[in-house]
C-alpha atoms as a PDB file:
ATOM      1  CA  UNK A   1     -54.336  57.600 -26.676  1.00  0.00           C
ATOM      2  CA  UNK A   2     -54.128  53.979 -27.743  1.00  0.00           C
ATOM      3  CA  UNK A   3     -51.087  52.280 -26.272  1.00  0.00           C
ATOM      4  CA  UNK A   4     -50.316  48.519 -27.539  1.00  0.00           C
ATOM      5  CA  UNK A   5     -47.486  46.225 -26.757  1.00  0.00           C
ATOM      6  CA  UNK A   6     -45.650  43.625 -28.738  1.00  0.00           C
ATOM      7  CA  UNK A   7     -44.733  41.048 -25.957  1.00  0.00           C
ATOM      8  CA  UNK A   8     -42.469  38.244 -27.262  1.00  0.00           C
ATOM      9  CA  UNK A   9     -40.744  35.642 -25.078  1.00  0.00           C
ATOM     10  CA  UNK A  10     -37.213  35.378 -26.454  1.00  0.00           C
ATOM     11  CA  UNK A  11     -37.175  31.506 -26.189  1.00  0.00           C
ATOM     12  CA  UNK A  12     -36.907  30.722 -29.978  1.00  0.00           C
ATOM     13  CA  UNK A  13     -36.713  32.417 -33.228  1.00  0.00           C
ATOM     14  CA  UNK A  14     -39.879  34.322 -34.345  1.00  0.00           C
ATOM     15  CA  UNK A  15     -42.074  32.811 -37.078  1.00  0.00           C
ATOM     16  CA  UNK A  16     -44.781  34.321 -39.457  1.00  0.00           C
ATOM     17  CA  UNK A  17     -47.349  34.031 -36.649  1.00  0.00           C
ATOM     18  CA  UNK A  18     -45.290  36.252 -34.456  1.00  0.00           C
ATOM     19  CA  UNK A  19     -44.726  38.625 -37.391  1.00  0.00           C
ATOM     20  CA  UNK A  20     -48.494  39.058 -38.003  1.00  0.00           C
ATOM     21  CA  UNK A  21     -49.155  39.510 -34.256  1.00  0.00           C
ATOM     22  CA  UNK A  22     -46.366  41.963 -34.007  1.00  0.00           C
ATOM     23  CA  UNK A  23     -47.848  44.105 -36.914  1.00  0.00           C
ATOM     24  CA  UNK A  24     -51.398  43.960 -35.787  1.00  0.00           C
ATOM     25  CA  UNK A  25     -50.367  45.603 -32.531  1.00  0.00           C
ATOM     26  CA  UNK A  26     -48.115  48.031 -34.299  1.00  0.00           C
ATOM     27  CA  UNK A  27     -50.627  48.948 -36.965  1.00  0.00           C
ATOM     28  CA  UNK A  28     -53.538  49.288 -34.463  1.00  0.00           C
ATOM     29  CA  UNK A  29     -51.429  51.925 -32.626  1.00  0.00           C
ATOM     30  CA  UNK A  30     -50.619  53.688 -35.885  1.00  0.00           C
ATOM     31  CA  UNK A  31     -54.186  53.757 -36.859  1.00  0.00           C
ATOM     32  CA  UNK A  32     -55.261  55.811 -33.758  1.00  0.00           C
ATOM     33  CA  UNK A  33     -51.920  57.716 -33.570  1.00  0.00           C
ATOM     34  CA  UNK A  34     -50.993  56.055 -30.352  1.00  0.00           C
ATOM     35  CA  UNK A  35     -47.714  54.282 -29.096  1.00  0.00           C
ATOM     36  CA  UNK A  36     -46.528  50.687 -29.278  1.00  0.00           C
ATOM     37  CA  UNK A  37     -43.917  49.269 -27.064  1.00  0.00           C
ATOM     38  CA  UNK A  38     -41.827  46.024 -27.422  1.00  0.00           C
ATOM     39  CA  UNK A  39     -41.760  44.335 -24.093  1.00  0.00           C
ATOM     40  CA  UNK A  40     -39.720  41.106 -23.836  1.00  0.00           C
ATOM     41  CA  UNK A  41     -41.295  38.492 -21.551  1.00  0.00           C
ATOM     42  CA  UNK A  42     -37.902  37.238 -20.347  1.00  0.00           C
ATOM     43  CA  UNK A  43     -38.660  35.904 -16.798  1.00  0.00           C
ATOM     44  CA  UNK A  44     -38.300  32.245 -17.702  1.00  0.00           C
ATOM     45  CA  UNK A  45     -34.479  32.020 -17.082  1.00  0.00           C
ATOM     46  CA  UNK A  46     -34.385  28.223 -18.232  1.00  0.00           C
ATOM     47  CA  UNK A  47     -35.553  29.121 -21.893  1.00  0.00           C
ATOM     48  CA  UNK A  48     -34.729  32.678 -22.783  1.00  0.00           C
ATOM     49  CA  UNK A  49     -31.469  33.581 -24.612  1.00  0.00           C
ATOM     50  CA  UNK A  50     -29.808  36.774 -25.767  1.00  0.00           C
ATOM     51  CA  UNK A  51     -29.498  35.023 -29.212  1.00  0.00           C
ATOM     52  CA  UNK A  52     -33.286  34.951 -29.542  1.00  0.00           C
ATOM     53  CA  UNK A  53     -33.818  38.349 -28.208  1.00  0.00           C
ATOM     54  CA  UNK A  54     -31.324  39.920 -30.644  1.00  0.00           C
ATOM     55  CA  UNK A  55     -32.924  38.071 -33.482  1.00  0.00           C
ATOM     56  CA  UNK A  56     -36.353  39.304 -32.629  1.00  0.00           C
ATOM     57  CA  UNK A  57     -35.012  42.954 -32.541  1.00  0.00           C
ATOM     58  CA  UNK A  58     -33.538  42.365 -36.035  1.00  0.00           C
ATOM     59  CA  UNK A  59     -36.821  40.847 -37.264  1.00  0.00           C
ATOM     60  CA  UNK A  60     -38.750  43.721 -35.733  1.00  0.00           C
ATOM     61  CA  UNK A  61     -36.547  46.193 -37.492  1.00  0.00           C
ATOM     62  CA  UNK A  62     -36.936  44.241 -40.880  1.00  0.00           C
ATOM     63  CA  UNK A  63     -40.591  44.374 -40.593  1.00  0.00           C
ATOM     64  CA  UNK A  64     -40.517  48.094 -40.542  1.00  0.00           C
ATOM     65  CA  UNK A  65     -41.768  48.302 -36.956  1.00  0.00           C
ATOM     66  CA  UNK A  66     -40.699  51.326 -35.059  1.00  0.00           C
ATOM     67  CA  UNK A  67     -41.575  50.796 -31.405  1.00  0.00           C
ATOM     68  CA  UNK A  68     -41.705  53.821 -29.124  1.00  0.00           C
ATOM     69  CA  UNK A  69     -40.062  51.975 -26.278  1.00  0.00           C
ATOM     70  CA  UNK A  70     -38.157  48.660 -25.833  1.00  0.00           C
ATOM     71  CA  UNK A  71     -38.501  46.960 -22.396  1.00  0.00           C
ATOM     72  CA  UNK A  72     -37.243  43.879 -20.801  1.00  0.00           C
ATOM     73  CA  UNK A  73     -39.355  42.591 -17.749  1.00  0.00           C
ATOM     74  CA  UNK A  74     -36.199  41.213 -16.249  1.00  0.00           C
ATOM     75  CA  UNK A  75     -35.108  44.781 -15.747  1.00  0.00           C
ATOM     76  CA  UNK A  76     -38.115  45.572 -13.664  1.00  0.00           C
ATOM     77  CA  UNK A  77     -37.756  42.674 -11.111  1.00  0.00           C
ATOM     78  CA  UNK A  78     -37.534  45.042  -7.937  1.00  0.00           C
ATOM     79  CA  UNK A  79     -40.641  46.797  -9.018  1.00  0.00           C
ATOM     80  CA  UNK A  80     -42.511  43.396  -9.485  1.00  0.00           C
ATOM     81  CA  UNK A  81     -41.132  42.286  -6.150  1.00  0.00           C
ATOM     82  CA  UNK A  82     -42.815  45.393  -4.606  1.00  0.00           C
ATOM     83  CA  UNK A  83     -46.098  44.510  -6.168  1.00  0.00           C
ATOM     84  CA  UNK A  84     -45.811  40.972  -4.835  1.00  0.00           C
ATOM     85  CA  UNK A  85     -45.131  42.175  -1.363  1.00  0.00           C
ATOM     86  CA  UNK A  86     -48.175  44.451  -1.532  1.00  0.00           C
ATOM     87  CA  UNK A  87     -50.262  41.405  -2.087  1.00  0.00           C
ATOM     88  CA  UNK A  88     -48.656  39.567   0.798  1.00  0.00           C
ATOM     89  CA  UNK A  89     -49.368  42.369   3.155  1.00  0.00           C
ATOM     90  CA  UNK A  90     -52.917  42.561   1.944  1.00  0.00           C
ATOM     91  CA  UNK A  91     -53.254  38.897   2.720  1.00  0.00           C
ATOM     92  CA  UNK A  92     -53.949  38.091  -0.936  1.00  0.00           C
ATOM     93  CA  UNK A  93     -50.758  36.028  -1.486  1.00  0.00           C
ATOM     94  CA  UNK A  94     -49.169  33.259   0.576  1.00  0.00           C
ATOM     95  CA  UNK A  95     -45.876  31.107   0.498  1.00  0.00           C
ATOM     96  CA  UNK A  96     -46.598  27.478  -0.338  1.00  0.00           C
ATOM     97  CA  UNK A  97     -44.282  24.714   0.409  1.00  0.00           C
ATOM     98  CA  UNK A  98     -46.488  21.792  -0.794  1.00  0.00           C
ATOM     99  CA  UNK A  99     -45.133  19.481  -3.174  1.00  0.00           C
ATOM    100  CA  UNK A 100     -46.241  19.941  -6.859  1.00  0.00           C
ATOM    101  CA  UNK A 101     -48.157  16.666  -6.881  1.00  0.00           C
ATOM    102  CA  UNK A 102     -50.172  17.596  -3.745  1.00  0.00           C
ATOM    103  CA  UNK A 103     -50.762  21.200  -5.114  1.00  0.00           C
ATOM    104  CA  UNK A 104     -52.127  19.711  -8.219  1.00  0.00           C
ATOM    105  CA  UNK A 105     -54.355  17.242  -6.515  1.00  0.00           C
ATOM    106  CA  UNK A 106     -55.754  19.825  -4.134  1.00  0.00           C
ATOM    107  CA  UNK A 107     -56.585  22.346  -6.934  1.00  0.00           C
ATOM    108  CA  UNK A 108     -58.193  19.619  -8.970  1.00  0.00           C
ATOM    109  CA  UNK A 109     -60.362  18.662  -5.904  1.00  0.00           C
ATOM    110  CA  UNK A 110     -61.059  22.195  -5.021  1.00  0.00           C
ATOM    111  CA  UNK A 111     -59.415  22.173  -1.467  1.00  0.00           C
ATOM    112  CA  UNK A 112     -57.112  24.612   0.071  1.00  0.00           C
ATOM    113  CA  UNK A 113     -53.825  23.447   1.499  1.00  0.00           C
ATOM    114  CA  UNK A 114     -52.593  24.165   5.110  1.00  0.00           C
ATOM    115  CA  UNK A 115     -50.159  26.900   3.896  1.00  0.00           C
ATOM    116  CA  UNK A 116     -53.113  29.112   2.952  1.00  0.00           C
ATOM    117  CA  UNK A 117     -54.035  29.925   6.505  1.00  0.00           C
ATOM    118  CA  UNK A 118     -50.719  31.475   7.505  1.00  0.00           C
ATOM    119  CA  UNK A 119     -50.824  35.303   8.508  1.00  0.00           C
ATOM    120  CA  UNK A 120     -49.150  38.009   6.538  1.00  0.00           C
ATOM    121  CA  UNK A 121     -46.065  38.281   8.697  1.00  0.00           C
ATOM    122  CA  UNK A 122     -45.247  34.524   8.418  1.00  0.00           C
ATOM    123  CA  UNK A 123     -45.750  34.677   4.616  1.00  0.00           C
ATOM    124  CA  UNK A 124     -43.473  37.771   4.344  1.00  0.00           C
ATOM    125  CA  UNK A 125     -40.841  36.117   6.346  1.00  0.00           C
ATOM    126  CA  UNK A 126     -40.909  32.977   4.083  1.00  0.00           C
ATOM    127  CA  UNK A 127     -41.011  35.448   0.942  1.00  0.00           C
ATOM    128  CA  UNK A 128     -37.780  36.913   2.255  1.00  0.00           C
ATOM    129  CA  UNK A 129     -36.276  33.561   2.662  1.00  0.00           C
ATOM    130  CA  UNK A 130     -37.163  32.654  -0.874  1.00  0.00           C
ATOM    131  CA  UNK A 131     -35.321  35.877  -2.011  1.00  0.00           C
ATOM    132  CA  UNK A 132     -32.477  35.149   0.193  1.00  0.00           C
ATOM    133  CA  UNK A 133     -31.953  31.632  -1.451  1.00  0.00           C
ATOM    134  CA  UNK A 134     -33.116  29.722   1.716  1.00  0.00           C
ATOM    135  CA  UNK A 135     -35.011  27.334  -0.372  1.00  0.00           C
ATOM    136  CA  UNK A 136     -34.132  24.830  -3.122  1.00  0.00           C
ATOM    137  CA  UNK A 137     -35.973  24.886  -6.509  1.00  0.00           C
ATOM    138  CA  UNK A 138     -39.479  23.544  -6.026  1.00  0.00           C
ATOM    139  CA  UNK A 139     -39.537  23.882  -2.225  1.00  0.00           C
ATOM    140  CA  UNK A 140     -41.523  27.029  -2.107  1.00  0.00           C
ATOM    141  CA  UNK A 141     -43.764  29.197  -4.344  1.00  0.00           C
ATOM    142  CA  UNK A 142     -45.716  32.218  -3.934  1.00  0.00           C
ATOM    143  CA  UNK A 143     -49.412  31.676  -4.644  1.00  0.00           C
ATOM    144  CA  UNK A 144     -52.271  34.216  -5.146  1.00  0.00           C
ATOM    145  CA  UNK A 145     -55.166  33.716  -2.835  1.00  0.00           C
ATOM    146  CA  UNK A 146     -57.879  32.862  -5.244  1.00  0.00           C
ATOM    147  CA  UNK A 147     -61.115  30.868  -5.188  1.00  0.00           C
ATOM    148  CA  UNK A 148     -60.668  27.095  -4.740  1.00  0.00           C
ATOM    149  CA  UNK A 149     -64.247  26.506  -5.611  1.00  0.00           C
ATOM    150  CA  UNK A 150     -64.099  28.421  -8.809  1.00  0.00           C
ATOM    151  CA  UNK A 151     -65.096  26.551 -11.992  1.00  0.00           C
ATOM    152  CA  UNK A 152     -62.288  28.227 -13.714  1.00  0.00           C
ATOM    153  CA  UNK A 153     -59.336  26.146 -12.389  1.00  0.00           C
ATOM    154  CA  UNK A 154     -56.917  28.945 -13.300  1.00  0.00           C
ATOM    155  CA  UNK A 155     -58.343  30.952 -10.230  1.00  0.00           C
ATOM    156  CA  UNK A 156     -57.671  28.095  -7.799  1.00  0.00           C
ATOM    157  CA  UNK A 157     -54.838  29.665  -5.834  1.00  0.00           C
ATOM    158  CA  UNK A 158     -52.486  29.974  -8.840  1.00  0.00           C
ATOM    159  CA  UNK A 159     -48.649  30.149  -8.456  1.00  0.00           C
ATOM    160  CA  UNK A 160     -47.361  33.666  -9.358  1.00  0.00           C
ATOM    161  CA  UNK A 161     -43.688  33.365  -8.281  1.00  0.00           C
ATOM    162  CA  UNK A 162     -41.279  30.278  -8.392  1.00  0.00           C
ATOM    163  CA  UNK A 163     -37.634  29.699  -7.635  1.00  0.00           C
ATOM    164  CA  UNK A 164     -35.086  29.037 -10.331  1.00  0.00           C
ATOM    165  CA  UNK A 165     -31.227  29.180  -9.936  1.00  0.00           C
ATOM    166  CA  UNK A 166     -30.519  28.986 -13.689  1.00  0.00           C
ATOM    167  CA  UNK A 167     -28.448  32.037 -14.677  1.00  0.00           C
ATOM    168  CA  UNK A 168     -30.326  34.502 -16.780  1.00  0.00           C
ATOM    169  CA  UNK A 169     -28.924  35.648 -19.976  1.00  0.00           C
ATOM    170  CA  UNK A 170     -29.316  39.324 -18.978  1.00  0.00           C
ATOM    171  CA  UNK A 171     -29.412  39.397 -15.156  1.00  0.00           C
ATOM    172  CA  UNK A 172     -26.909  36.561 -14.531  1.00  0.00           C
ATOM    173  CA  UNK A 173     -27.536  35.106 -10.971  1.00  0.00           C
ATOM    174  CA  UNK A 174     -28.846  38.401  -9.443  1.00  0.00           C
ATOM    175  CA  UNK A 175     -32.251  36.866  -8.992  1.00  0.00           C
ATOM    176  CA  UNK A 176     -33.675  33.480  -8.103  1.00  0.00           C
ATOM    177  CA  UNK A 177     -37.429  34.092  -7.630  1.00  0.00           C
ATOM    178  CA  UNK A 178     -39.183  34.832 -10.952  1.00  0.00           C
ATOM    179  CA  UNK A 179     -42.678  35.791 -11.585  1.00  0.00           C
ATOM    180  CA  UNK A 180     -44.932  33.808 -13.909  1.00  0.00           C
ATOM    181  CA  UNK A 181     -46.442  35.175 -17.047  1.00  0.00           C
ATOM    182  CA  UNK A 182     -49.877  36.171 -15.674  1.00  0.00           C
ATOM    183  CA  UNK A 183     -48.473  38.145 -12.730  1.00  0.00           C
ATOM    184  CA  UNK A 184     -45.676  39.848 -14.767  1.00  0.00           C
ATOM    185  CA  UNK A 185     -47.650  40.690 -17.761  1.00  0.00           C
ATOM    186  CA  UNK A 186     -50.735  42.083 -15.646  1.00  0.00           C
ATOM    187  CA  UNK A 187     -48.405  44.415 -13.722  1.00  0.00           C
ATOM    188  CA  UNK A 188     -46.353  45.430 -16.652  1.00  0.00           C
ATOM    189  CA  UNK A 189     -49.627  46.242 -18.629  1.00  0.00           C
ATOM    190  CA  UNK A 190     -50.759  48.506 -15.897  1.00  0.00           C
ATOM    191  CA  UNK A 191     -47.611  50.296 -15.199  1.00  0.00           C
ATOM    192  CA  UNK A 192     -46.794  50.812 -18.766  1.00  0.00           C
ATOM    193  CA  UNK A 193     -50.102  52.367 -19.382  1.00  0.00           C
ATOM    194  CA  UNK A 194     -51.106  49.795 -21.973  1.00  0.00           C
ATOM    195  CA  UNK A 195     -54.851  50.356 -23.170  1.00  0.00           C
ATOM    196  CA  UNK A 196     -55.391  47.600 -25.744  1.00  0.00           C
ATOM    197  CA  UNK A 197     -54.107  43.911 -25.585  1.00  0.00           C
ATOM    198  CA  UNK A 198     -54.291  42.066 -28.868  1.00  0.00           C
ATOM    199  CA  UNK A 199     -53.336  38.536 -28.893  1.00  0.00           C
ATOM    200  CA  UNK A 200     -54.049  35.144 -30.316  1.00  0.00           C
ATOM    201  CA  UNK A 201     -57.107  33.412 -28.771  1.00  0.00           C
ATOM    202  CA  UNK A 202     -54.890  30.353 -27.876  1.00  0.00           C
ATOM    203  CA  UNK A 203     -54.019  32.214 -24.534  1.00  0.00           C
ATOM    204  CA  UNK A 204     -57.706  31.480 -23.548  1.00  0.00           C
ATOM    205  CA  UNK A 205     -60.351  33.654 -22.020  1.00  0.00           C
ATOM    206  CA  UNK A 206     -59.921  32.001 -18.737  1.00  0.00           C
ATOM    207  CA  UNK A 207     -56.660  33.724 -18.155  1.00  0.00           C
ATOM    208  CA  UNK A 208     -58.293  37.176 -18.536  1.00  0.00           C
ATOM    209  CA  UNK A 209     -60.159  36.524 -15.210  1.00  0.00           C
ATOM    210  CA  UNK A 210     -56.968  35.815 -13.410  1.00  0.00           C
ATOM    211  CA  UNK A 211     -55.130  38.842 -14.958  1.00  0.00           C
ATOM    212  CA  UNK A 212     -58.125  41.152 -14.061  1.00  0.00           C
ATOM    213  CA  UNK A 213     -58.154  39.798 -10.491  1.00  0.00           C
ATOM    214  CA  UNK A 214     -54.385  40.733 -10.182  1.00  0.00           C
ATOM    215  CA  UNK A 215     -55.118  44.139 -11.579  1.00  0.00           C
ATOM    216  CA  UNK A 216     -58.005  44.818  -9.160  1.00  0.00           C
ATOM    217  CA  UNK A 217     -56.025  43.785  -6.126  1.00  0.00           C
ATOM    218  CA  UNK A 218     -53.260  46.070  -7.061  1.00  0.00           C
ATOM    219  CA  UNK A 219     -55.394  48.845  -8.279  1.00  0.00           C
ATOM    220  CA  UNK A 220     -53.991  48.860 -11.747  1.00  0.00           C
ATOM    221  CA  UNK A 221     -55.855  49.883 -14.793  1.00  0.00           C
ATOM    222  CA  UNK A 222     -57.473  47.291 -17.144  1.00  0.00           C
ATOM    223  CA  UNK A 223     -57.179  47.007 -20.851  1.00  0.00           C
ATOM    224  CA  UNK A 224     -59.382  46.291 -23.728  1.00  0.00           C
ATOM    225  CA  UNK A 225     -58.580  42.650 -24.718  1.00  0.00           C
ATOM    226  CA  UNK A 226     -58.918  41.703 -28.366  1.00  0.00           C
ATOM    227  CA  UNK A 227     -58.329  38.009 -29.237  1.00  0.00           C
ATOM    228  CA  UNK A 228     -57.932  36.624 -32.745  1.00  0.00           C
ATOM    229  CA  UNK A 229     -57.681  33.352 -34.124  1.00  0.00           C
ATOM    230  CA  UNK A 230     -54.339  31.679 -34.584  1.00  0.00           C
ATOM    231  CA  UNK A 231     -52.337  31.854 -37.744  1.00  0.00           C
ATOM    232  CA  UNK A 232     -51.242  28.665 -39.376  1.00  0.00           C
ATOM    233  CA  UNK A 233     -49.241  28.020 -42.560  1.00  0.00           C
ATOM    234  CA  UNK A 234     -50.364  24.610 -43.997  1.00  0.00           C
ATOM    235  CA  UNK A 235     -47.727  21.925 -43.626  1.00  0.00           C
ATOM    236  CA  UNK A 236     -45.205  24.308 -41.795  1.00  0.00           C
ATOM    237  CA  UNK A 237     -43.383  23.469 -38.551  1.00  0.00           C
ATOM    238  CA  UNK A 238     -43.575  26.433 -36.060  1.00  0.00           C
ATOM    239  CA  UNK A 239     -43.028  24.589 -32.691  1.00  0.00           C
ATOM    240  CA  UNK A 240     -39.549  25.417 -31.332  1.00  0.00           C
ATOM    241  CA  UNK A 241     -39.030  21.928 -29.953  1.00  0.00           C
ATOM    242  CA  UNK A 242     -40.016  20.299 -33.284  1.00  0.00           C
ATOM    243  CA  UNK A 243     -37.571  22.508 -35.155  1.00  0.00           C
ATOM    244  CA  UNK A 244     -34.867  21.681 -32.806  1.00  0.00           C
ATOM    245  CA  UNK A 245     -35.577  18.098 -33.204  1.00  0.00           C
ATOM    246  CA  UNK A 246     -35.321  18.378 -37.030  1.00  0.00           C
ATOM    247  CA  UNK A 247     -32.027  20.127 -36.671  1.00  0.00           C
ATOM    248  CA  UNK A 248     -30.621  17.529 -34.321  1.00  0.00           C
ATOM    249  CA  UNK A 249     -31.652  14.786 -36.794  1.00  0.00           C
ATOM    250  CA  UNK A 250     -29.992  16.729 -39.745  1.00  0.00           C
ATOM    251  CA  UNK A 251     -33.191  17.270 -41.606  1.00  0.00           C
ATOM    252  CA  UNK A 252     -32.736  21.087 -41.595  1.00  0.00           C
ATOM    253  CA  UNK A 253     -29.566  23.091 -41.262  1.00  0.00           C
ATOM    254  CA  UNK A 254     -30.637  26.021 -39.187  1.00  0.00           C
ATOM    255  CA  UNK A 255     -33.447  28.408 -38.033  1.00  0.00           C
ATOM    256  CA  UNK A 256     -33.241  30.302 -41.348  1.00  0.00           C
ATOM    257  CA  UNK A 257     -33.658  27.095 -43.553  1.00  0.00           C
ATOM    258  CA  UNK A 258     -35.841  28.240 -46.439  1.00  0.00           C
ATOM    259  CA  UNK A 259     -38.284  25.333 -45.828  1.00  0.00           C
ATOM    260  CA  UNK A 260     -39.184  26.889 -42.435  1.00  0.00           C
ATOM    261  CA  UNK A 261     -41.514  29.869 -41.801  1.00  0.00           C
ATOM    262  CA  UNK A 262     -39.394  31.702 -39.273  1.00  0.00           C
ATOM    263  CA  UNK A 263     -39.004  35.387 -40.098  1.00  0.00           C
ATOM    264  CA  UNK A 264     -35.311  34.673 -40.850  1.00  0.00           C
ATOM    265  CA  UNK A 265     -36.124  31.846 -43.246  1.00  0.00           C
ATOM    266  CA  UNK A 266     -38.742  33.801 -45.068  1.00  0.00           C
ATOM    267  CA  UNK A 267     -36.336  36.742 -45.237  1.00  0.00           C
ATOM    268  CA  UNK A 268     -33.758  34.524 -46.729  1.00  0.00           C
ATOM    269  CA  UNK A 269     -36.292  33.097 -49.225  1.00  0.00           C
ATOM    270  CA  UNK A 270     -36.874  36.540 -50.549  1.00  0.00           C
ATOM    271  CA  UNK A 271     -40.163  37.439 -48.852  1.00  0.00           C
ATOM    272  CA  UNK A 272     -40.379  41.082 -48.736  1.00  0.00           C
ATOM    273  CA  UNK A 273     -41.542  42.984 -45.496  1.00  0.00           C
ATOM    274  CA  UNK A 274     -44.481  44.539 -47.296  1.00  0.00           C
ATOM    275  CA  UNK A 275     -45.788  41.045 -47.822  1.00  0.00           C
ATOM    276  CA  UNK A 276     -46.357  40.448 -44.081  1.00  0.00           C
ATOM    277  CA  UNK A 277     -48.272  43.760 -43.849  1.00  0.00           C
ATOM    278  CA  UNK A 278     -50.601  42.662 -46.611  1.00  0.00           C
ATOM    279  CA  UNK A 279     -51.191  39.394 -44.983  1.00  0.00           C
ATOM    280  CA  UNK A 280     -51.754  41.030 -41.629  1.00  0.00           C
ATOM    281  CA  UNK A 281     -54.414  43.267 -43.380  1.00  0.00           C
ATOM    282  CA  UNK A 282     -56.041  40.423 -45.095  1.00  0.00           C
ATOM    283  CA  UNK A 283     -56.367  37.982 -42.096  1.00  0.00           C
ATOM    284  CA  UNK A 284     -57.280  40.939 -39.778  1.00  0.00           C
ATOM    285  CA  UNK A 285     -58.781  40.281 -36.338  1.00  0.00           C
ATOM    286  CA  UNK A 286     -60.986  37.348 -37.237  1.00  0.00           C
ATOM    287  CA  UNK A 287     -61.745  35.223 -34.053  1.00  0.00           C
ATOM    288  CA  UNK A 288     -61.577  32.080 -36.329  1.00  0.00           C
ATOM    289  CA  UNK A 289     -58.362  30.205 -36.778  1.00  0.00           C
ATOM    290  CA  UNK A 290     -56.716  31.338 -40.121  1.00  0.00           C
ATOM    291  CA  UNK A 291     -55.132  28.656 -42.280  1.00  0.00           C
ATOM    292  CA  UNK A 292     -53.245  29.937 -45.403  1.00  0.00           C
ATOM    293  CA  UNK A 293     -50.509  28.303 -47.557  1.00  0.00           C
ATOM    294  CA  UNK A 294     -47.450  29.113 -49.470  1.00  0.00           C
ATOM    295  CA  UNK A 295     -49.592  30.108 -52.536  1.00  0.00           C
ATOM    296  CA  UNK A 296     -51.018  33.114 -50.684  1.00  0.00           C
ATOM    297  CA  UNK A 297     -47.560  34.261 -49.410  1.00  0.00           C
ATOM    298  CA  UNK A 298     -46.034  33.892 -52.835  1.00  0.00           C
ATOM    299  CA  UNK A 299     -48.811  35.508 -54.765  1.00  0.00           C
ATOM    300  CA  UNK A 300     -48.632  38.655 -52.400  1.00  0.00           C
ATOM    301  CA  UNK A 301     -44.957  38.632 -52.559  1.00  0.00           C
ATOM    302  CA  UNK A 302     -44.976  38.360 -56.425  1.00  0.00           C
ATOM    303  CA  UNK A 303     -47.375  41.266 -56.754  1.00  0.00           C
ATOM    304  CA  UNK A 304     -45.051  43.467 -54.730  1.00  0.00           C
ATOM    305  CA  UNK A 305     -41.986  42.455 -56.569  1.00  0.00           C
ATOM    306  CA  UNK A 306     -43.561  42.742 -59.965  1.00  0.00           C
ATOM    307  CA  UNK A 307     -43.827  46.495 -59.844  1.00  0.00           C
ATOM    308  CA  UNK A 308     -40.037  46.978 -59.014  1.00  0.00           C
ATOM    309  CA  UNK A 309     -38.248  44.059 -60.697  1.00  0.00           C
ATOM    310  CA  UNK A 310     -36.639  43.876 -64.113  1.00  0.00           C
ATOM    311  CA  UNK A 311     -37.049  40.359 -65.604  1.00  0.00           C
ATOM    312  CA  UNK A 312     -34.444  38.889 -67.820  1.00  0.00           C
ATOM    313  CA  UNK A 313     -34.403  35.608 -69.900  1.00  0.00           C
ATOM    314  CA  UNK A 314     -31.290  33.679 -70.712  1.00  0.00           C
ATOM    315  CA  UNK A 315     -30.767  30.798 -73.104  1.00  0.00           C
ATOM    316  CA  UNK A 316     -27.430  28.943 -72.946  1.00  0.00           C
ATOM    317  CA  UNK A 317     -25.745  27.860 -76.180  1.00  0.00           C
ATOM    318  CA  UNK A 318     -28.558  29.105 -78.424  1.00  0.00           C
ATOM    319  CA  UNK A 319     -29.085  27.200 -81.640  1.00  0.00           C
ATOM    320  CA  UNK A 320     -30.703  28.464 -84.932  1.00  0.00           C
ATOM    321  CA  UNK A 321     -33.476  26.384 -86.123  1.00  0.00           C
ATOM    322  CA  UNK A 322     -34.885  26.494 -89.687  1.00  0.00           C
ATOM    323  CA  UNK A 323     -38.451  25.154 -90.146  1.00  0.00           C
ATOM    324  CA  UNK A 324     -39.001  23.947 -93.670  1.00  0.00           C
ATOM    325  CA  UNK A 325     -42.538  24.478 -95.211  1.00  0.00           C
ATOM    326  CA  UNK A 326     -43.377  27.071 -92.642  1.00  0.00           C
ATOM    327  CA  UNK A 327     -45.998  29.706 -93.922  1.00  0.00           C
ATOM    328  CA  UNK A 328     -44.459  33.088 -94.815  1.00  0.00           C
ATOM    329  CA  UNK A 329     -44.739  35.500 -91.918  1.00  0.00           C
ATOM    330  CA  UNK A 330     -45.786  39.042 -92.551  1.00  0.00           C
ATOM    331  CA  UNK A 331     -45.327  42.107 -90.481  1.00  0.00           C
END
């Protein structure tokens, strides 16, 4: 059976691009009578918020998506730690205490740092020290032992865990060592039994190599990856930081301002859920970037509304007008 996942990071309000991606994953699972899970990628404690997670669940309900399961990755931290420790015992992961600048320089030049030569026991001891809050933020990270000469720089001993003492909206201060996207997503896809990953091509094919490497080392199943072009509404602002700046400047009032293309704003503007489904079908899985404007959204929405709306016309203070010399009208 086909199993897909909708994996939003609850770090802002979802926009039309998210809606189309959500629907593509859900519709694909529906087509093959499979399952679709919602999985919140909420391991970046600095940016994720309950406000955004709750909003996305409301959006998903509004769109008519009925997931078979709702998961928060932050609830699976112990399981993710076990997989990290498996890599350490295998000798495929090591704790690095190099500065960020030094790490960046060595990765660029293709040279391994001295931390890479430590044995599994030393790495496990330092990993436990990370978990027990013996390091400050930025003092230690867990890195995957990759290939420092790889032309794909993502494979050059990438960081898979980092320290953050920022309280998490759901877990509080229970955890301080957080997995990065590539590691958490790879493990979760395998454990959840996901068969097909459908996502925007902006993630890049270079990340597929890293994610497959993690799955191979942990003996987790791989998925069929289908990447499609990014969805853009011409003239619309979708970047969270840009929207926040506009709100700070007073240019817009909130995330549901009708001039935005967040799902909340489009819903307030009167865009029907069926409109998103129609657009998702129309743009499909094209690998090319899709640019459309308000005319398309409005036209599809109007077509949907026309079949069920009663239209009324109203003239305030009507005046009778007599036209002299007009030809006689016969019925």
